[in-house]
Protein backbone atom coordinates (compact mmCIF):
# COMPACT_ATOMS: atom_id res chain seq x y z
CA MET A 1 -12.93 -0.19 -33.43
CA LEU A 2 -10.11 -1.26 -35.74
CA SER A 3 -7.30 -3.27 -34.20
CA SER A 4 -3.67 -2.66 -35.09
CA ARG A 5 -3.93 -5.44 -37.68
CA GLY A 6 -7.13 -4.02 -39.13
CA ALA A 7 -5.66 -0.52 -39.24
CA PHE A 8 -2.58 -1.87 -41.03
CA ILE A 9 -4.76 -3.58 -43.66
CA ALA A 10 -6.90 -0.46 -44.14
CA ILE A 11 -3.89 1.82 -44.48
CA GLY A 12 -2.30 -0.63 -46.93
CA GLY A 13 -5.45 -0.61 -49.03
CA ILE A 14 -5.60 3.18 -49.03
CA LEU A 15 -1.94 3.39 -50.05
CA LEU A 16 -2.40 0.95 -52.96
CA ILE A 17 -5.44 2.85 -54.21
CA SER A 18 -3.68 6.18 -53.79
CA ILE A 19 -0.58 5.00 -55.67
CA GLY A 20 -2.72 3.56 -58.47
CA LEU A 21 -4.75 6.72 -58.84
CA SER A 22 -1.60 8.81 -58.81
CA ALA A 23 -0.03 6.66 -61.53
CA LYS A 24 -3.21 6.86 -63.58
CA GLY A 25 -3.33 10.61 -63.24
CA VAL A 26 0.29 11.17 -64.19
CA GLY A 27 -0.04 8.74 -67.09
CA THR A 28 -3.05 10.68 -68.38
CA ILE A 29 -1.04 13.88 -68.19
CA ALA A 30 1.79 12.22 -70.15
CA THR A 31 -0.68 11.21 -72.87
CA MET A 32 -2.17 14.68 -73.10
CA LEU A 33 1.13 16.61 -73.14
CA PRO A 34 2.05 15.89 -76.87
CA ILE A 35 -1.38 17.02 -77.94
CA LEU A 36 -1.28 20.15 -75.83
CA SER A 37 2.25 21.01 -76.99
CA GLY A 38 1.66 20.17 -80.66
CA GLU A 39 4.26 17.39 -80.66
CA GLN A 40 3.90 13.90 -82.14
CA GLY A 41 3.42 10.85 -80.00
CA TRP A 42 6.39 9.27 -78.34
CA GLU A 43 6.36 6.34 -80.81
CA ALA A 44 6.90 8.65 -83.80
CA ASP A 45 9.56 10.58 -81.95
CA SER A 46 11.51 7.46 -81.23
CA GLU A 47 11.50 6.49 -84.93
CA SER A 48 12.82 9.92 -86.03
CA THR A 49 15.60 10.02 -83.47
CA PRO A 50 19.05 10.45 -85.19
CA SER A 51 21.32 7.44 -85.02
CA ASN A 52 24.30 9.42 -83.86
CA GLY A 53 22.75 9.59 -80.33
CA ASN A 54 22.46 13.38 -80.29
CA GLN A 55 18.92 14.08 -79.12
CA THR A 56 17.09 16.75 -77.23
CA LEU A 57 15.15 15.70 -74.10
CA SER A 58 11.64 17.19 -74.13
CA ILE A 59 9.02 17.28 -71.37
CA THR A 60 7.17 14.57 -73.25
CA ASP A 61 10.17 12.28 -72.85
CA ILE A 62 10.12 12.81 -69.09
CA PHE A 63 6.52 11.60 -68.71
CA ARG A 64 6.75 8.69 -71.15
CA PRO A 65 7.47 6.10 -68.34
CA PHE A 66 4.30 7.16 -66.55
CA GLU A 67 2.31 6.70 -69.73
CA ILE A 68 3.70 3.16 -69.94
CA LEU A 69 2.82 2.62 -66.27
CA ASN A 70 -0.72 3.90 -66.98
CA SER A 71 -1.25 1.21 -69.57
CA SER A 72 0.31 -1.54 -67.39
CA PRO A 73 -2.06 -4.05 -65.71
CA ILE A 74 0.03 -3.89 -62.50
CA VAL A 75 -1.58 -0.60 -61.57
CA ASP A 76 -5.05 -2.00 -62.11
CA TYR A 77 -4.25 -5.09 -60.06
CA GLY A 78 -2.82 -2.92 -57.28
CA MET A 79 -5.92 -0.71 -57.15
CA PHE A 80 -8.13 -3.77 -57.16
CA LEU A 81 -6.19 -5.32 -54.30
CA GLY A 82 -6.25 -2.04 -52.34
CA THR A 83 -10.00 -1.85 -52.78
CA LEU A 84 -10.41 -5.38 -51.49
CA LEU A 85 -8.21 -4.65 -48.45
CA LEU A 86 -10.10 -1.47 -47.65
CA LEU A 87 -13.46 -3.16 -48.00
CA ALA A 88 -12.32 -6.15 -45.91
CA SER A 89 -11.21 -3.93 -43.04
CA VAL A 90 -14.05 -1.40 -43.08
CA ILE A 91 -17.20 -3.07 -44.34
CA GLY A 92 -17.05 -5.83 -41.72
CA LEU A 93 -16.93 -3.34 -38.84
CA PRO A 94 -20.73 -2.78 -38.54
CA PHE A 95 -21.35 -6.53 -38.56
CA PHE A 96 -18.73 -6.99 -35.86
CA ARG A 97 -20.29 -4.27 -33.71
CA VAL A 98 -23.64 -6.05 -33.91
CA SER A 99 -22.27 -9.48 -33.03
CA ALA A 100 -19.70 -8.41 -30.41
CA ASN A 101 -21.69 -6.83 -27.60
CA ALA A 102 -19.44 -6.41 -24.55
CA SER A 103 -22.43 -5.69 -22.34
CA LEU A 104 -23.37 -9.38 -22.64
CA ILE A 105 -20.19 -10.33 -20.78
CA ARG A 106 -20.78 -10.44 -17.03
CA VAL A 107 -17.72 -10.33 -14.77
CA THR A 108 -17.72 -10.97 -11.01
CA ARG A 109 -14.83 -11.02 -8.55
CA THR A 110 -14.49 -12.72 -5.17
CA VAL A 111 -11.64 -12.79 -2.65
CA ASP A 112 -11.00 -15.26 0.13
CA ARG A 113 -10.39 -12.42 2.58
CA GLU A 114 -10.93 -8.68 2.63
CA LYS A 115 -8.56 -8.09 5.56
CA ALA A 116 -5.01 -9.38 5.74
CA PHE A 117 -1.73 -8.67 7.47
CA ALA A 118 1.16 -7.21 5.50
CA GLY A 119 3.08 -10.02 3.87
CA GLU A 120 0.09 -12.38 3.72
CA TYR A 121 -1.65 -13.66 0.59
CA VAL A 122 -5.09 -13.01 -0.88
CA HIS A 123 -6.72 -15.43 -3.32
CA VAL A 124 -8.71 -13.63 -6.04
CA THR A 125 -11.21 -15.46 -8.27
CA VAL A 126 -12.77 -13.82 -11.35
CA LYS A 127 -15.79 -15.39 -13.06
CA VAL A 128 -16.57 -14.48 -16.71
CA GLU A 129 -20.04 -15.31 -18.08
CA ASN A 130 -21.43 -14.88 -21.59
CA THR A 131 -25.09 -14.06 -21.03
CA GLY A 132 -25.85 -13.97 -24.78
CA ARG A 133 -26.29 -16.75 -27.31
CA ARG A 134 -23.55 -15.74 -29.74
CA ARG A 135 -20.11 -17.26 -29.42
CA MET A 136 -17.22 -14.98 -28.52
CA ASP A 137 -14.29 -16.32 -30.56
CA PHE A 138 -11.59 -14.20 -29.00
CA LEU A 139 -12.10 -12.71 -25.54
CA GLU A 140 -9.62 -11.02 -23.20
CA VAL A 141 -10.36 -10.11 -19.57
CA TYR A 142 -7.85 -8.21 -17.40
CA ASP A 143 -8.24 -7.57 -13.67
CA ALA A 144 -6.17 -4.58 -12.47
CA ILE A 145 -4.29 -4.85 -9.18
CA PRO A 146 -2.62 -2.09 -7.09
CA ASP A 147 1.05 -1.38 -7.67
CA MET A 148 1.81 -2.39 -4.08
CA PHE A 149 0.56 -5.95 -4.75
CA GLU A 150 2.73 -8.71 -6.20
CA ILE A 151 1.30 -11.69 -8.05
CA ALA A 152 2.59 -14.77 -6.26
CA LEU A 153 0.74 -17.40 -8.31
CA GLY A 154 -1.37 -17.40 -11.47
CA GLU A 155 -2.18 -14.52 -13.80
CA ASN A 156 -4.63 -11.65 -13.43
CA PHE A 157 -6.01 -12.08 -16.97
CA ILE A 158 -7.51 -14.67 -19.30
CA ILE A 159 -7.53 -15.01 -23.12
CA THR A 160 -10.17 -17.49 -24.21
CA GLN A 161 -13.20 -18.37 -26.32
CA LEU A 162 -16.61 -18.22 -24.73
CA GLY A 163 -19.67 -19.92 -26.14
CA GLY A 164 -23.24 -18.81 -25.64
CA ARG A 165 -24.38 -19.07 -22.00
CA GLU A 166 -20.93 -20.38 -21.09
CA THR A 167 -19.02 -19.45 -17.93
CA LYS A 168 -15.31 -19.59 -17.26
CA GLU A 169 -13.19 -18.39 -14.38
CA PHE A 170 -9.57 -17.68 -13.56
CA SER A 171 -7.83 -17.03 -10.28
CA TYR A 172 -4.57 -15.70 -8.94
CA ILE A 173 -2.89 -15.08 -5.60
CA VAL A 174 -1.44 -11.71 -4.64
CA GLN A 175 0.79 -10.78 -1.74
CA VAL A 176 -0.02 -7.57 0.11
CA SER A 177 3.18 -5.79 1.04
CA THR A 178 2.39 -2.88 3.31
CA ARG A 179 -0.43 -1.58 5.47
CA GLY A 180 -3.22 0.53 4.03
CA VAL A 181 -6.48 0.27 2.08
CA TYR A 182 -6.18 -0.93 -1.51
CA ARG A 183 -8.67 -1.56 -4.32
CA ILE A 184 -8.55 -4.38 -6.85
CA GLY A 185 -10.05 -3.24 -10.15
CA PRO A 186 -11.25 -2.10 -12.61
CA VAL A 187 -11.80 -4.98 -15.08
CA LYS A 188 -11.08 -4.54 -18.77
CA VAL A 189 -13.04 -6.69 -21.28
CA ILE A 190 -11.80 -6.87 -24.89
CA ILE A 191 -13.61 -8.76 -27.71
CA HIS A 192 -11.84 -9.50 -31.04
CA ASP A 193 -13.16 -10.88 -34.34
CA ARG A 194 -11.76 -14.10 -35.81
CA LEU A 195 -9.29 -12.37 -38.10
CA GLY A 196 -8.22 -9.87 -35.52
CA PHE A 197 -9.30 -6.83 -37.59
CA TYR A 198 -11.64 -5.31 -34.99
CA PHE A 199 -12.01 -5.14 -31.24
CA GLU A 200 -14.41 -3.73 -28.71
CA GLU A 201 -13.14 -2.63 -25.29
CA ASP A 202 -15.21 -2.10 -22.17
CA ILE A 203 -13.89 -1.08 -18.73
CA ARG A 204 -15.96 -2.18 -15.73
CA HIS A 205 -15.47 0.17 -12.80
CA PHE A 206 -16.18 -2.13 -9.89
CA TYR A 207 -13.68 -2.64 -7.12
CA THR A 208 -12.90 -4.88 -4.17
CA GLU A 209 -11.32 -3.21 -1.15
CA ILE A 210 -8.55 -4.97 0.75
CA LEU A 211 -7.65 -3.67 4.20
CA CYS A 212 -4.03 -4.49 4.94
CA TYR A 213 -3.06 -4.56 8.61
CA PRO A 214 0.50 -3.91 9.77
CA SER A 215 2.81 -6.91 9.75
CA TYR A 216 2.14 -9.60 12.37
CA GLU A 217 5.70 -10.94 12.27
CA ASP A 218 6.84 -9.31 15.53
CA ILE A 219 3.94 -10.84 17.43
CA ARG A 220 4.56 -14.26 15.84
CA ARG A 221 8.16 -14.16 16.97
CA MET A 222 7.11 -13.19 20.48
CA GLU A 223 4.54 -15.99 20.59
CA ALA A 224 7.13 -18.49 19.35
CA LEU A 225 9.51 -17.42 22.11
CA SER A 226 6.73 -17.73 24.65
CA LYS A 227 5.83 -21.24 23.53
CA ARG A 228 9.42 -22.40 23.77
CA ARG A 229 9.78 -20.67 27.13
CA GLN A 230 12.95 -19.01 26.05
CA GLN A 231 11.99 -15.44 26.75
CA GLY A 232 14.54 -13.26 28.39
CA LYS A 233 13.82 -11.15 31.37
CA MET A 234 12.33 -8.48 29.13
CA PHE A 235 9.63 -10.83 27.86
CA GLY A 236 8.89 -12.61 31.13
CA ALA A 237 5.73 -12.09 33.09
CA HIS A 238 6.25 -9.45 35.79
CA LYS A 239 3.85 -8.94 38.61
CA THR A 240 3.04 -5.77 40.42
CA LYS A 241 4.13 -6.83 43.90
CA GLN A 242 1.52 -5.35 46.15
CA LYS A 243 0.37 -6.70 49.47
CA GLY A 244 -3.15 -8.01 49.20
CA MET A 245 -5.33 -11.11 48.97
CA GLY A 246 -3.52 -12.92 46.16
CA ASP A 247 -2.27 -16.49 46.05
CA ASP A 248 1.48 -15.93 46.31
CA PHE A 249 2.92 -15.80 49.82
CA HIS A 250 4.55 -12.45 50.68
CA ALA A 251 5.60 -12.43 54.38
CA LEU A 252 4.55 -12.95 57.98
CA ALA A 253 3.38 -10.00 60.04
CA ARG A 254 2.24 -9.43 63.59
CA TYR A 255 -1.43 -9.94 64.22
CA TYR A 256 -3.48 -6.76 64.10
CA PRO A 257 -7.04 -6.25 65.27
CA GLY A 258 -9.51 -7.00 62.50
CA ALA A 259 -7.20 -9.37 60.59
CA PRO A 260 -9.07 -12.33 59.07
CA PHE A 261 -9.01 -15.34 61.37
CA LYS A 262 -8.08 -17.65 58.47
CA SER A 263 -4.87 -15.69 57.87
CA LEU A 264 -3.42 -16.73 61.27
CA ASP A 265 -0.28 -18.85 60.98
CA TRP A 266 -0.49 -21.35 63.84
CA LYS A 267 2.88 -22.88 63.06
CA ALA A 268 4.53 -19.50 63.50
CA PHE A 269 2.58 -19.04 66.76
CA SER A 270 3.87 -22.38 68.06
CA ARG A 271 7.46 -21.34 67.28
CA THR A 272 7.40 -17.73 68.49
CA GLY A 273 4.53 -17.63 70.93
CA GLU A 274 3.14 -14.60 69.09
CA LEU A 275 0.11 -14.41 66.87
CA MET A 276 1.29 -14.02 63.26
CA VAL A 277 -0.72 -13.54 60.09
CA ARG A 278 0.23 -14.53 56.54
CA GLU A 279 0.33 -11.80 53.89
CA PHE A 280 0.09 -12.52 50.20
CA GLU A 281 1.03 -10.76 46.97
CA SER A 282 -1.72 -9.70 44.64
CA GLU A 283 -1.18 -8.82 41.00
CA LYS A 284 -2.62 -5.45 40.07
CA ASN A 285 -3.60 -4.64 36.51
CA ILE A 286 -2.59 -1.34 35.00
CA ARG A 287 -4.27 1.12 32.65
CA MET A 288 -1.93 2.11 29.84
CA ILE A 289 -2.69 4.64 27.11
CA VAL A 290 -0.34 5.04 24.15
CA PHE A 291 -0.19 8.41 22.38
CA LEU A 292 0.90 7.73 18.79
CA ASP A 293 2.21 10.79 16.99
CA HIS A 294 1.71 10.56 13.22
CA SER A 295 2.73 14.08 12.25
CA GLY A 296 4.70 14.69 9.06
CA SER A 297 8.13 14.28 10.66
CA MET A 298 7.26 10.75 11.83
CA GLY A 299 7.17 9.67 8.18
CA ALA A 300 10.92 10.21 7.78
CA GLY A 301 13.22 7.26 7.36
CA ILE A 302 13.80 4.34 5.02
CA PRO A 303 10.63 3.43 3.05
CA PHE A 304 8.49 0.91 4.97
CA ASN A 305 10.80 1.35 7.98
CA THR A 306 10.07 4.92 8.96
CA LYS A 307 9.76 6.21 12.50
CA LEU A 308 6.00 5.81 12.18
CA ASP A 309 6.31 2.21 10.97
CA PHE A 310 8.46 1.30 13.99
CA ALA A 311 6.01 3.09 16.30
CA ILE A 312 3.09 1.12 14.84
CA ARG A 313 4.95 -2.15 15.35
CA SER A 314 5.60 -1.11 18.95
CA VAL A 315 1.91 -0.40 19.57
CA MET A 316 0.90 -3.82 18.24
CA LEU A 317 3.42 -5.63 20.45
CA VAL A 318 2.46 -3.79 23.61
CA MET A 319 -1.25 -4.23 22.93
CA LYS A 320 -0.79 -7.98 22.52
CA MET A 321 1.26 -8.24 25.71
CA ALA A 322 -1.28 -6.18 27.65
CA GLU A 323 -4.08 -8.43 26.37
CA GLU A 324 -2.28 -11.55 27.58
CA ARG A 325 -1.70 -10.00 31.02
CA GLN A 326 -5.26 -8.66 31.27
CA ASP A 327 -4.15 -5.05 31.48
CA LEU A 328 -6.25 -2.24 30.10
CA PHE A 329 -4.77 -0.79 26.93
CA GLY A 330 -5.89 2.37 25.12
CA LEU A 331 -4.67 4.25 22.06
CA VAL A 332 -4.97 7.79 20.75
CA THR A 333 -3.45 8.82 17.43
CA PHE A 334 -2.81 12.49 16.89
CA ALA A 335 -1.16 15.03 14.62
CA ASP A 336 -2.41 18.61 14.75
CA ARG A 337 -5.50 17.13 16.45
CA PRO A 338 -6.62 13.74 17.81
CA THR A 339 -7.52 11.57 14.82
CA SER A 340 -8.69 8.34 16.48
CA PHE A 341 -9.28 7.02 19.98
CA LEU A 342 -9.57 3.55 21.41
CA PRO A 343 -10.70 3.62 25.06
CA PRO A 344 -8.71 1.45 27.50
CA GLY A 345 -9.89 -2.13 27.32
CA GLY A 346 -8.84 -5.57 26.16
CA GLY A 347 -9.83 -8.64 24.22
CA LYS A 348 -9.43 -9.89 20.67
CA ALA A 349 -12.22 -7.69 19.32
CA MET A 350 -10.41 -4.62 20.56
CA PHE A 351 -7.15 -5.87 19.04
CA PHE A 352 -8.70 -5.93 15.58
CA GLN A 353 -10.14 -2.47 16.12
CA LEU A 354 -6.61 -1.37 16.91
CA LEU A 355 -5.32 -2.99 13.72
CA GLU A 356 -7.87 -1.13 11.60
CA ILE A 357 -6.81 2.18 13.15
CA LEU A 358 -3.13 1.47 12.58
CA ALA A 359 -3.72 0.36 8.99
CA LEU A 360 -5.06 3.81 8.09
CA VAL A 361 -2.55 6.00 9.94
CA GLU A 362 -0.51 8.24 7.63
CA PRO A 363 2.05 10.97 8.44
CA GLN A 364 0.56 14.44 8.10
CA GLY A 365 0.69 17.95 9.52
CA ARG A 366 2.27 19.08 12.77
CA SER A 367 2.05 17.61 16.25
CA ASP A 368 -0.17 18.93 19.04
CA PRO A 369 0.27 16.72 22.13
CA LEU A 370 -1.69 19.20 24.28
CA ALA A 371 -4.86 18.67 22.25
CA ALA A 372 -4.37 14.89 22.53
CA VAL A 373 -3.89 15.02 26.32
CA ASP A 374 -6.96 17.21 26.82
CA PHE A 375 -8.98 14.86 24.60
CA VAL A 376 -7.98 11.78 26.62
CA MET A 377 -8.34 13.39 30.07
CA GLN A 378 -11.94 14.35 29.28
CA ARG A 379 -12.75 10.72 28.45
CA VAL A 380 -10.50 8.89 30.92
CA PRO A 381 -10.37 10.96 34.11
CA ARG A 382 -8.66 8.24 36.16
CA ALA A 383 -4.89 8.18 36.58
CA SER A 384 -3.22 6.12 33.88
CA PHE A 385 0.17 5.26 32.48
CA TYR A 386 0.75 7.54 29.47
CA VAL A 387 3.34 6.42 26.91
CA PHE A 388 4.11 8.87 24.10
CA LEU A 389 5.62 7.62 20.85
CA THR A 390 6.82 10.85 19.28
CA ASP A 391 9.98 12.25 17.74
CA LEU A 392 9.51 15.65 19.49
CA GLU A 393 10.18 17.37 16.17
CA SER A 394 6.81 18.65 14.95
CA SER A 395 5.71 20.57 18.05
CA ASP A 396 7.06 23.43 20.15
CA SER A 397 8.68 22.51 23.44
CA GLU A 398 6.23 24.82 25.26
CA ILE A 399 3.25 22.84 23.94
CA PHE A 400 4.68 19.52 25.08
CA THR A 401 5.61 21.01 28.45
CA GLU A 402 2.05 22.25 28.98
CA ALA A 403 0.67 18.85 27.93
CA ALA A 404 2.92 17.15 30.50
CA LYS A 405 1.85 19.58 33.23
CA ARG A 406 -1.83 18.87 32.66
CA ALA A 407 -1.30 15.12 32.57
CA ARG A 408 0.79 15.15 35.74
CA SER A 409 -1.79 17.31 37.53
CA THR A 410 -4.11 14.30 37.68
CA LYS A 411 -1.32 11.91 38.75
CA ASN A 412 -0.79 10.30 35.36
CA ASN A 413 2.61 8.67 34.88
CA ILE A 414 4.33 9.71 31.66
CA THR A 415 7.09 8.12 29.61
CA VAL A 416 8.20 9.49 26.25
CA ILE A 417 9.82 7.07 23.81
CA SER A 418 11.33 9.28 21.16
CA PRO A 419 12.75 7.94 17.87
CA PHE A 420 15.80 10.01 17.00
CA GLY A 421 15.34 11.14 13.40
CA PRO A 422 18.90 10.96 12.01
CA LEU A 423 19.30 7.36 13.17
CA PHE A 424 16.32 6.32 11.06
CA GLU A 425 17.46 8.16 7.95
CA THR A 426 21.09 7.12 7.59
CA LYS A 427 23.97 5.11 9.06
CA LEU A 428 27.26 6.83 9.69
CA SER A 429 29.16 3.72 8.62
CA ASP A 430 27.70 4.03 5.11
CA LEU A 431 28.80 7.66 4.61
CA THR A 432 31.92 9.20 3.21
CA ALA A 433 34.10 11.43 5.37
CA THR A 434 32.43 14.60 4.08
CA GLU A 435 28.94 13.18 4.42
CA ARG A 436 29.78 11.96 7.92
CA ALA A 437 30.90 15.46 8.96
CA ILE A 438 27.64 16.95 7.65
CA ALA A 439 25.60 14.23 9.37
CA GLU A 440 27.36 14.84 12.68
CA ALA A 441 26.58 18.55 12.42
CA ILE A 442 22.93 17.69 11.86
CA PHE A 443 23.06 15.32 14.84
CA GLU A 444 24.33 18.12 17.03
CA GLU A 445 21.53 20.41 15.90
CA TYR A 446 18.93 17.77 16.65
CA LEU A 447 20.48 17.03 20.04
CA GLY A 448 20.53 20.71 20.98
CA TYR A 449 16.79 21.12 20.41
CA ARG A 450 16.00 17.78 22.02
CA LYS A 451 17.99 18.67 25.14
CA GLN A 452 15.85 21.77 25.64
CA VAL A 453 12.68 19.67 25.54
CA GLU A 454 14.15 16.96 27.75
CA ASP A 455 15.28 19.44 30.41
CA ARG A 456 11.78 20.84 30.67
CA LEU A 457 10.04 17.47 30.76
CA ARG A 458 12.39 15.82 33.24
CA GLY A 459 11.67 18.65 35.62
CA LEU A 460 8.06 17.44 35.60
CA GLY A 461 8.98 13.84 36.37
CA VAL A 462 8.62 12.70 32.76
CA GLU A 463 10.95 9.90 31.67
CA ILE A 464 12.40 10.31 28.18
CA ILE A 465 14.00 7.45 26.22
CA ASN A 466 15.78 8.21 22.95
CA VAL A 467 15.74 5.27 20.56
CA GLY A 468 16.93 4.24 17.12
CA PRO A 469 15.61 1.57 14.76
CA ASP A 470 17.63 -1.16 16.46
CA ASP A 471 16.43 -0.60 20.01
CA MET A 472 12.99 0.98 19.70
CA LEU A 473 10.93 -2.22 20.02
CA PRO A 474 12.91 -3.57 23.02
CA ASN A 475 12.65 -0.23 24.82
CA VAL A 476 8.90 0.00 24.28
CA ILE A 477 8.42 -3.51 25.68
CA LYS A 478 10.75 -2.78 28.58
CA THR A 479 8.84 0.41 29.38
CA TYR A 480 5.58 -1.53 29.57
CA MET A 481 7.02 -4.30 31.73
CA GLU A 482 8.69 -1.88 34.15
CA GLY A 483 5.53 0.21 34.31
CA LYS A 484 3.50 -2.87 35.18
CA GLN A 485 6.00 -3.98 37.80
CA ALA A 486 5.94 -0.53 39.39
CA GLY A 487 2.16 -0.41 39.28
CA LYS A 488 1.94 2.73 37.11
CA GLY A 489 -1.67 3.50 36.35
CA SER A 490 -2.97 0.70 38.58
CA VAL A 491 -6.63 -0.06 38.06
């Protein structure tokens, strides 16, 4: 294929030949006109022209310059040059196609990791190998990256020469910005000739998938606070204070028949004269299941900080805290139906399963909490602590009420943490007076519908917490800690 330079040369050659042929043709016409019209040649006419300057312009006179141009060597030189340019740009093309075989270029790509957290870096290495014996004088290789990736170091292309059987490689580092599944590729290979007249392009459709987990920053901050022992009350370890056979002393109690002999407190007996037994606190683990609503309305908000994004960050934090405290944590994502389910459990392996689920969650459809509750109750029949992360906007209040009734019928504890839509979409302080009045009217409409849902759910013993972007994460953590302290969903 002709390059832009080769096309320019070819077009220039065609133009020179065309201009020369046109001049030759017009000049021939100028020569033939006196004969066809019965006039003398232009030389004789010029000699018989009166000296007073009065002369009549004939058609022969008009074409006389072209006849001069026809006999000029400039036209011949121009046509000769045009022919050379055309031949140079066209005749060499078959020879180039034979020598430049893009199929002889082998390209492979490797990455240092196929899974990364949002904000982390991935090192990409591309190896280019010439499997043939001919030298590639001008070779370009481009590796396409997703629009959501930013190149942090290096370049995703190389322009080089490649000898026979020679191998070269280039590498670059990209930063993944947001959760999801992305593909690096395809690869474009372009071979040029030495003069840059021709090129051959080949696109290799092979891809490398990168799974991007949600950001780990919240958990890093929590771990840093934990290491420095500067957590507030919200982040501290809370025990479920229940009388049992733990290690922490609870109280003294009167001896009762059947009490273990080793629990007798002889010092208390010596002081009071009554048999007393020591009682201890035992820490009970809880079973917590988070219902993550990813219906269409949960996608509203500032890009990359939508209601769904905040809910995903909340799930990650609570899961990590539950893992550290050896509680059982489960997750169900749902929209118009349950889309994924992680049975209650713990451990690092489960945490990465959770991350893969959260990486693929996208807002879609309407919300059906009843289908999600039925799905979970069939698989986890034991009483648990249900925490819903939903904006209560994509489902009818009757459906949520029925879902709460069924969950409460088997003694499940329920807390609804509900991101309030308008708070995620705008800030009143940033609005004009007119915009603020409109926003407040929308707020009132939202609050009216939400109050209907809240009245129904509170009658069933369901706790509802309305949150904005500034207090959603703290409220989710607080809900977990208070639920653990109260022994909701005790195992």
